[in-house]
Amino acid sequence: MPTHEVTAERPDSLLHATGWDHVTLIGSNADDTVAFYRDVLGLPLVIRQPNLDREEVEHLFFDAGDGRLVTFFVDESRDSVETQDPGIGAVHHLAFSIDPEELPAIRERLLDAGHEVSEYDRGAFHSLYTHDHNGLVIELAADKFDVPDDRKGEVLAHAQAARVAAGDEYIATEHLEVALEELGLPVERYDLPDAATGRDF
């Protein structure tokens, strides 16, 4: 297997992106898309206009809550689908951040509203999984520790190094603790429930 250095340092590359702006998906219709992304996930619909490249298609923009956007090209002639079988280059899932202290209540509200939910400890974070109206996997990720957004990559890279040094196969809570201590950041863990490490949802 080729060796690829894992580090939070900026690479010597053609350019340096300054952050994530938006991701755009091919959606079904506006009603079903708004019903899930606004009315279930709580993402405000901030722009609704024709697609600038294909005016017969509508472009919906949702605010993910931190200034980043998720957008959809929708068409009223399209029905929503129940399942997806993504191939190479396709979207496997979308992951949204949630307040760790709200995780149990969010899980119960989704279940009460009839949404299937799975819960897993993913090592670096704790996640709930459900599906949108088109069968796309939606991950709701809760941080295990209070980490400043601008330090997350650095913390994860140090946790990766701690995992490798320990000979462990996956990042776990203890590797995050080591990383936070090494970086001089507070080790403030959220009270999250126990969960299996999981399988693909």
Protein backbone atom coordinates (compact mmCIF):
# COMPACT_ATOMS: atom_id res chain seq x y z
CA MET A 1 0.00 0.00 0.00
CA PRO A 2 1.42 3.44 -0.92
CA THR A 3 2.42 5.67 1.98
CA HIS A 4 0.42 8.88 2.29
CA GLU A 5 1.48 11.23 5.06
CA VAL A 6 -1.31 12.14 7.48
CA THR A 7 -0.83 15.68 8.78
CA ALA A 8 -2.76 18.88 9.37
CA GLU A 9 0.02 20.88 7.67
CA ARG A 10 -0.91 22.55 4.39
CA PRO A 11 0.41 20.49 1.44
CA ASP A 12 2.55 21.81 -1.39
CA SER A 13 -0.34 21.96 -3.85
CA LEU A 14 -1.67 24.00 -6.76
CA LEU A 15 -3.94 25.99 -4.43
CA HIS A 16 -5.18 26.09 -0.85
CA ALA A 17 -8.95 26.06 -0.43
CA THR A 18 -10.05 28.25 2.47
CA GLY A 19 -12.99 26.07 3.52
CA TRP A 20 -16.07 24.22 2.41
CA ASP A 21 -18.64 26.43 0.67
CA HIS A 22 -21.38 24.08 -0.57
CA VAL A 23 -22.14 20.71 -2.04
CA THR A 24 -24.83 20.34 -4.73
CA LEU A 25 -26.87 17.19 -5.22
CA ILE A 26 -29.36 16.13 -7.88
CA GLY A 27 -32.64 16.14 -5.97
CA SER A 28 -36.12 14.94 -6.82
CA ASN A 29 -38.81 17.61 -6.41
CA ALA A 30 -38.97 20.77 -4.31
CA ASP A 31 -41.79 19.68 -1.97
CA ASP A 32 -40.09 16.47 -0.81
CA THR A 33 -36.67 18.14 -0.58
CA VAL A 34 -37.94 21.04 1.53
CA ALA A 35 -39.99 18.67 3.69
CA PHE A 36 -36.86 16.75 4.69
CA TYR A 37 -34.01 19.26 4.73
CA ARG A 38 -35.99 22.18 6.20
CA ASP A 39 -38.75 20.48 8.19
CA VAL A 40 -36.79 17.48 9.53
CA LEU A 41 -33.14 18.62 9.66
CA GLY A 42 -33.99 22.25 10.36
CA LEU A 43 -31.87 23.79 7.59
CA PRO A 44 -33.28 27.18 6.52
CA LEU A 45 -34.12 27.47 2.82
CA VAL A 46 -32.18 30.63 1.95
CA ILE A 47 -32.30 30.75 -1.88
CA ARG A 48 -34.85 29.35 -4.34
CA GLN A 49 -34.28 30.21 -8.00
CA PRO A 50 -33.85 28.67 -11.45
CA ASN A 51 -30.61 26.83 -12.12
CA LEU A 52 -28.40 29.35 -13.94
CA ASP A 53 -27.29 26.67 -16.41
CA ARG A 54 -30.68 24.98 -16.97
CA GLU A 55 -33.57 27.30 -16.18
CA GLU A 56 -36.15 24.47 -16.33
CA VAL A 57 -34.49 23.05 -13.20
CA GLU A 58 -34.93 24.76 -9.83
CA HIS A 59 -31.98 25.37 -7.48
CA LEU A 60 -32.63 25.20 -3.71
CA PHE A 61 -30.01 26.42 -1.21
CA PHE A 62 -30.15 25.35 2.45
CA ASP A 63 -27.98 26.83 5.22
CA ALA A 64 -26.31 23.97 7.13
CA GLY A 65 -26.03 26.22 10.20
CA ASP A 66 -22.42 27.37 10.04
CA GLY A 67 -22.48 29.40 6.83
CA ARG A 68 -21.89 26.31 4.69
CA LEU A 69 -24.59 25.34 2.25
CA VAL A 70 -26.12 22.19 0.79
CA THR A 71 -27.96 22.77 -2.47
CA PHE A 72 -30.21 20.72 -4.73
CA PHE A 73 -31.18 20.78 -8.38
CA VAL A 74 -34.86 19.77 -8.34
CA ASP A 75 -37.56 19.26 -10.95
CA GLU A 76 -41.27 18.86 -10.31
CA SER A 77 -41.41 15.99 -12.82
CA ARG A 78 -39.14 13.84 -10.62
CA ASP A 79 -40.48 11.48 -7.98
CA SER A 80 -38.47 10.71 -4.85
CA VAL A 81 -36.90 7.25 -4.71
CA GLU A 82 -36.61 4.82 -1.79
CA THR A 83 -33.06 3.56 -2.17
CA GLN A 84 -29.76 4.46 -3.74
CA ASP A 85 -26.87 2.36 -4.99
CA PRO A 86 -23.97 4.83 -5.28
CA GLY A 87 -21.08 3.98 -7.55
CA ILE A 88 -17.59 5.41 -7.88
CA GLY A 89 -17.74 9.21 -7.84
CA ALA A 90 -21.22 9.28 -6.33
CA VAL A 91 -22.26 10.62 -2.92
CA HIS A 92 -22.28 7.93 -0.22
CA HIS A 93 -23.73 10.10 2.56
CA LEU A 94 -24.02 13.63 3.90
CA ALA A 95 -22.87 14.35 7.46
CA PHE A 96 -24.22 17.26 9.48
CA SER A 97 -22.96 18.40 12.87
CA ILE A 98 -25.33 18.31 15.82
CA ASP A 99 -25.06 19.56 19.40
CA PRO A 100 -23.71 16.59 21.40
CA GLU A 101 -25.97 17.42 24.33
CA GLU A 102 -29.00 17.21 22.02
CA LEU A 103 -28.16 13.80 20.54
CA PRO A 104 -30.52 11.67 22.70
CA ALA A 105 -33.42 14.07 22.16
CA ILE A 106 -32.77 14.24 18.41
CA ARG A 107 -32.74 10.44 18.20
CA GLU A 108 -36.09 10.24 20.00
CA ARG A 109 -37.70 12.96 17.89
CA LEU A 110 -36.62 11.24 14.67
CA LEU A 111 -37.98 7.90 15.89
CA ASP A 112 -41.23 9.49 17.05
CA ALA A 113 -41.64 11.06 13.59
CA GLY A 114 -41.26 7.64 11.94
CA HIS A 115 -37.65 7.90 10.74
CA GLU A 116 -35.38 4.86 10.97
CA VAL A 117 -32.33 5.66 13.12
CA SER A 118 -29.09 3.82 13.86
CA GLU A 119 -26.50 5.00 16.38
CA TYR A 120 -22.76 4.29 16.41
CA ASP A 121 -19.57 5.32 18.14
CA ARG A 122 -17.32 6.17 15.22
CA GLY A 123 -14.19 6.62 17.30
CA ALA A 124 -13.47 10.23 16.35
CA PHE A 125 -17.13 11.19 16.90
CA HIS A 126 -20.56 9.75 17.76
CA SER A 127 -23.22 9.49 15.06
CA LEU A 128 -26.87 8.96 14.32
CA TYR A 129 -27.82 7.72 10.85
CA THR A 130 -31.08 8.03 8.95
CA HIS A 131 -32.15 8.47 5.30
CA ASP A 132 -33.55 11.39 3.39
CA HIS A 133 -36.59 11.18 1.09
CA ASN A 134 -34.43 9.76 -1.72
CA GLY A 135 -32.74 7.05 0.29
CA LEU A 136 -29.52 9.04 0.74
CA VAL A 137 -27.78 8.23 4.02
CA ILE A 138 -27.78 11.20 6.39
CA GLU A 139 -25.26 11.19 9.25
CA LEU A 140 -25.75 13.43 12.28
CA ALA A 141 -22.32 13.66 13.89
CA ALA A 142 -21.68 14.78 17.46
CA ASP A 143 -18.17 15.64 18.62
CA LYS A 144 -16.91 13.72 21.65
CA PHE A 145 -14.91 16.69 22.92
CA ASP A 146 -15.30 20.44 22.79
CA VAL A 147 -12.80 21.28 20.03
CA PRO A 148 -12.57 24.67 18.28
CA ASP A 149 -13.60 24.33 14.63
CA ASP A 150 -10.31 25.78 13.41
CA ARG A 151 -8.34 23.12 15.35
CA LYS A 152 -10.31 19.99 14.33
CA GLY A 153 -7.98 18.95 11.54
CA GLU A 154 -4.98 19.37 13.82
CA VAL A 155 -6.62 17.34 16.60
CA LEU A 156 -7.58 14.54 14.19
CA ALA A 157 -4.08 14.38 12.69
CA HIS A 158 -2.56 14.10 16.19
CA ALA A 159 -5.17 11.46 17.12
CA GLN A 160 -4.18 9.53 14.00
CA ALA A 161 -0.53 9.63 15.10
CA ALA A 162 -1.52 8.42 18.60
CA ARG A 163 -3.53 5.57 17.04
CA VAL A 164 -0.61 4.46 14.88
CA ALA A 165 1.82 4.71 17.80
CA ALA A 166 -0.48 2.53 19.91
CA GLY A 167 -0.83 -0.04 17.10
CA ASP A 168 -4.61 0.35 17.07
CA GLU A 169 -6.68 -0.15 13.94
CA TYR A 170 -9.12 2.75 14.45
CA ILE A 171 -9.14 6.12 16.17
CA ALA A 172 -10.82 5.90 19.57
CA THR A 173 -11.66 8.26 22.41
CA GLU A 174 -8.29 7.75 24.11
CA HIS A 175 -6.45 8.89 20.97
CA LEU A 176 -8.45 12.11 20.93
CA GLU A 177 -7.57 12.69 24.58
CA VAL A 178 -3.86 12.24 23.81
CA ALA A 179 -4.14 14.69 20.90
CA LEU A 180 -5.87 17.34 22.97
CA GLU A 181 -3.28 17.04 25.73
CA GLU A 182 -0.38 17.22 23.24
CA LEU A 183 -1.85 20.38 21.70
CA GLY A 184 -2.51 22.00 25.07
CA LEU A 185 -6.28 22.10 24.50
CA PRO A 186 -8.83 21.48 27.28
CA VAL A 187 -10.00 17.85 27.53
CA GLU A 188 -13.72 18.49 27.94
CA ARG A 189 -15.67 15.37 27.01
CA TYR A 190 -19.36 15.39 26.24
CA ASP A 191 -21.63 12.91 28.01
CA LEU A 192 -22.64 10.64 25.13
CA PRO A 193 -24.31 7.23 25.37
CA ASP A 194 -22.45 4.00 24.78
CA ALA A 195 -22.91 2.60 21.29
CA ALA A 196 -21.46 -0.09 19.05
CA THR A 197 -18.70 0.89 16.65
CA GLY A 198 -21.11 -0.13 13.92
CA ARG A 199 -21.32 -1.24 10.38
CA ASP A 200 -22.22 0.51 7.13
CA PHE A 201 -25.71 1.99 7.43
